[in-house]
Amino acid sequence: MAAHAKPIVILLADDDEEDRMLSSDALAESRVVNDLRFVEDGEELLDYLYHRGRYADPASAPAPGLILLDLNMPKKDGREALREIKADPQLRRIPVIVLTTSKAEEDIYRTYDLGANSFITKPVHFNALVEVMKEIGRYWIEIVELPTGVPPR
């Protein structure tokens, strides 16, 4: 991470264990060394954000500065979770990057309509994923000014 990069928490919501591992490896390979946390579905994502259940202790679930969101997950999919996040005045400031295997035009339009900040189709090859993570880190961590922390409710 560059000296001017921000130490934000990145929260990755993806039900596929291999995709989580590859994303983690790609972030490390691209030198994005921010704290990376994982959740496996939309319900767990919202539990994390609202400090419910096993995430009740805010110290164990620090507020993310960026969410990487898969669309197709069990229980509550990414679209439903995105809708809830962007409807909440306290959470809507967190940038959400949809990172999914979908290339469907309907998904692209729908997620932007729901408030997604970016839509990226997951690359198939690891080297391409490293490049995507490098660009995410460069833009969202080094260049963009993000709100710091989540204001109290």
Protein backbone atom coordinates (compact mmCIF):
# COMPACT_ATOMS: atom_id res chain seq x y z
CA MET A 1 0.00 0.00 0.00
CA ALA A 2 1.36 3.41 -0.88
CA ALA A 3 2.23 5.87 1.88
CA HIS A 4 -0.83 8.01 1.08
CA ALA A 5 -3.24 5.06 0.99
CA LYS A 6 -5.92 4.90 3.67
CA PRO A 7 -6.11 2.08 6.23
CA ILE A 8 -9.74 1.16 5.57
CA VAL A 9 -11.40 -2.19 6.19
CA ILE A 10 -12.49 -3.99 3.03
CA LEU A 11 -15.47 -6.28 3.51
CA LEU A 12 -15.87 -9.03 0.90
CA ALA A 13 -19.30 -10.69 0.65
CA ASP A 14 -19.01 -13.89 -1.39
CA ASP A 15 -20.37 -17.38 -0.74
CA ASP A 16 -17.68 -19.15 -2.77
CA GLU A 17 -14.71 -20.10 -0.58
CA GLU A 18 -12.35 -20.38 -3.56
CA ASP A 19 -13.37 -16.92 -4.81
CA ARG A 20 -12.75 -15.47 -1.33
CA MET A 21 -9.29 -17.07 -1.25
CA LEU A 22 -8.45 -15.92 -4.79
CA SER A 23 -9.63 -12.38 -4.01
CA SER A 24 -7.54 -12.31 -0.85
CA ASP A 25 -4.48 -13.59 -2.72
CA ALA A 26 -5.07 -11.11 -5.55
CA LEU A 27 -5.31 -8.20 -3.11
CA ALA A 28 -2.07 -9.31 -1.44
CA GLU A 29 -0.36 -9.80 -4.80
CA SER A 30 -1.45 -6.31 -5.87
CA ARG A 31 -0.05 -4.90 -2.61
CA VAL A 32 -3.41 -3.81 -1.23
CA VAL A 33 -2.70 -4.66 2.39
CA ASN A 34 -5.82 -3.25 4.00
CA ASP A 35 -7.66 -5.28 6.62
CA LEU A 36 -9.82 -7.72 4.63
CA ARG A 37 -12.89 -9.26 6.26
CA PHE A 38 -15.23 -11.90 4.82
CA VAL A 39 -18.91 -12.72 5.02
CA GLU A 40 -20.61 -15.54 3.11
CA ASP A 41 -24.08 -14.22 2.26
CA GLY A 42 -26.28 -11.14 2.35
CA GLU A 43 -27.73 -11.93 5.77
CA GLU A 44 -24.26 -12.25 7.27
CA LEU A 45 -23.25 -9.01 5.52
CA LEU A 46 -26.10 -7.13 7.16
CA ASP A 47 -25.40 -8.78 10.53
CA TYR A 48 -21.81 -7.53 10.22
CA LEU A 49 -22.88 -3.99 9.29
CA TYR A 50 -25.54 -3.79 12.03
CA HIS A 51 -23.38 -5.58 14.66
CA ARG A 52 -25.87 -8.41 15.19
CA GLY A 53 -25.25 -11.99 16.31
CA ARG A 54 -21.60 -13.02 16.20
CA TYR A 55 -20.73 -9.48 15.05
CA ALA A 56 -22.33 -7.80 18.08
CA ASP A 57 -18.94 -6.60 19.34
CA PRO A 58 -17.96 -3.63 17.15
CA ALA A 59 -14.29 -4.40 17.82
CA SER A 60 -14.69 -7.74 16.01
CA ALA A 61 -16.56 -6.12 13.11
CA PRO A 62 -14.97 -2.74 12.36
CA ALA A 63 -16.88 -0.50 9.99
CA PRO A 64 -15.82 -1.15 6.41
CA GLY A 65 -14.66 1.64 4.17
CA LEU A 66 -15.42 -0.46 1.08
CA ILE A 67 -17.66 -3.44 0.33
CA LEU A 68 -16.94 -5.93 -2.46
CA LEU A 69 -20.26 -7.64 -3.14
CA ASP A 70 -21.08 -10.79 -5.07
CA LEU A 71 -24.62 -10.82 -6.46
CA ASN A 72 -25.46 -14.52 -6.38
CA MET A 73 -25.36 -15.70 -2.78
CA PRO A 74 -27.65 -17.89 -0.67
CA LYS A 75 -30.11 -16.68 1.98
CA LYS A 76 -30.12 -13.04 0.88
CA ASP A 77 -28.50 -12.28 -2.44
CA GLY A 78 -26.32 -9.29 -3.22
CA ARG A 79 -29.13 -7.33 -4.84
CA GLU A 80 -31.29 -7.55 -1.72
CA ALA A 81 -28.36 -6.68 0.54
CA LEU A 82 -27.40 -3.74 -1.69
CA ARG A 83 -30.98 -2.43 -1.57
CA GLU A 84 -30.93 -2.49 2.25
CA ILE A 85 -27.48 -0.92 2.52
CA LYS A 86 -28.31 1.96 0.20
CA ALA A 87 -31.70 2.53 1.89
CA ASP A 88 -30.01 3.06 5.28
CA PRO A 89 -28.83 6.65 5.85
CA GLN A 90 -25.90 5.42 7.98
CA LEU A 91 -24.71 2.71 5.59
CA ARG A 92 -25.37 4.26 2.18
CA ARG A 93 -22.10 6.20 2.33
CA ILE A 94 -20.06 3.00 2.20
CA PRO A 95 -18.97 2.43 -1.40
CA VAL A 96 -20.22 -0.90 -2.74
CA ILE A 97 -18.42 -2.50 -5.66
CA VAL A 98 -20.34 -5.33 -7.23
CA LEU A 99 -17.76 -7.99 -8.08
CA THR A 100 -19.58 -10.87 -9.72
CA THR A 101 -19.44 -13.47 -12.46
CA SER A 102 -22.55 -11.98 -14.06
CA LYS A 103 -22.26 -10.12 -17.34
CA ALA A 104 -26.03 -9.69 -17.67
CA GLU A 105 -27.03 -6.20 -18.76
CA GLU A 106 -30.06 -6.45 -16.47
CA ASP A 107 -27.76 -6.98 -13.46
CA ILE A 108 -25.62 -4.01 -14.44
CA TYR A 109 -28.61 -1.65 -14.74
CA ARG A 110 -30.36 -3.01 -11.68
CA THR A 111 -27.35 -2.76 -9.36
CA TYR A 112 -26.58 0.80 -10.45
CA ASP A 113 -30.26 1.66 -9.92
CA LEU A 114 -29.92 0.23 -6.41
CA GLY A 115 -26.93 2.47 -5.71
CA ALA A 116 -23.86 0.37 -6.53
CA ASN A 117 -20.75 2.49 -6.96
CA SER A 118 -19.15 0.15 -9.52
CA PHE A 119 -19.94 -3.07 -11.35
CA ILE A 120 -17.04 -5.36 -12.21
CA THR A 121 -17.26 -8.78 -13.79
CA LYS A 122 -14.82 -11.12 -12.03
CA PRO A 123 -11.99 -12.06 -14.34
CA VAL A 124 -11.51 -15.76 -15.00
CA HIS A 125 -7.71 -15.73 -14.76
CA PHE A 126 -5.82 -14.95 -11.55
CA ASN A 127 -3.45 -12.42 -13.17
CA ALA A 128 -6.43 -10.45 -14.46
CA LEU A 129 -7.99 -10.55 -10.98
CA VAL A 130 -4.74 -9.17 -9.55
CA GLU A 131 -4.93 -6.29 -12.03
CA VAL A 132 -8.56 -5.60 -11.07
CA MET A 133 -7.67 -5.59 -7.36
CA LYS A 134 -4.71 -3.31 -8.05
CA GLU A 135 -7.01 -0.83 -9.79
CA ILE A 136 -9.62 -1.08 -7.03
CA GLY A 137 -6.90 -0.35 -4.48
CA ARG A 138 -5.46 2.48 -6.49
CA TYR A 139 -8.79 4.19 -7.09
CA TRP A 140 -10.81 3.47 -3.94
CA ILE A 141 -7.97 3.54 -1.41
CA GLU A 142 -5.34 5.90 -2.81
CA ILE A 143 -7.28 8.42 -4.92
CA VAL A 144 -10.88 8.76 -3.71
CA GLU A 145 -11.74 10.65 -0.54
CA LEU A 146 -14.00 8.38 1.52
CA PRO A 147 -16.07 9.31 4.55
CA THR A 148 -14.24 8.28 7.70
CA GLY A 149 -16.15 6.03 10.06
CA VAL A 150 -19.88 5.63 10.30
CA PRO A 151 -21.69 8.46 12.09
CA PRO A 152 -23.50 7.41 15.29
CA ARG A 153 -27.15 6.43 14.96
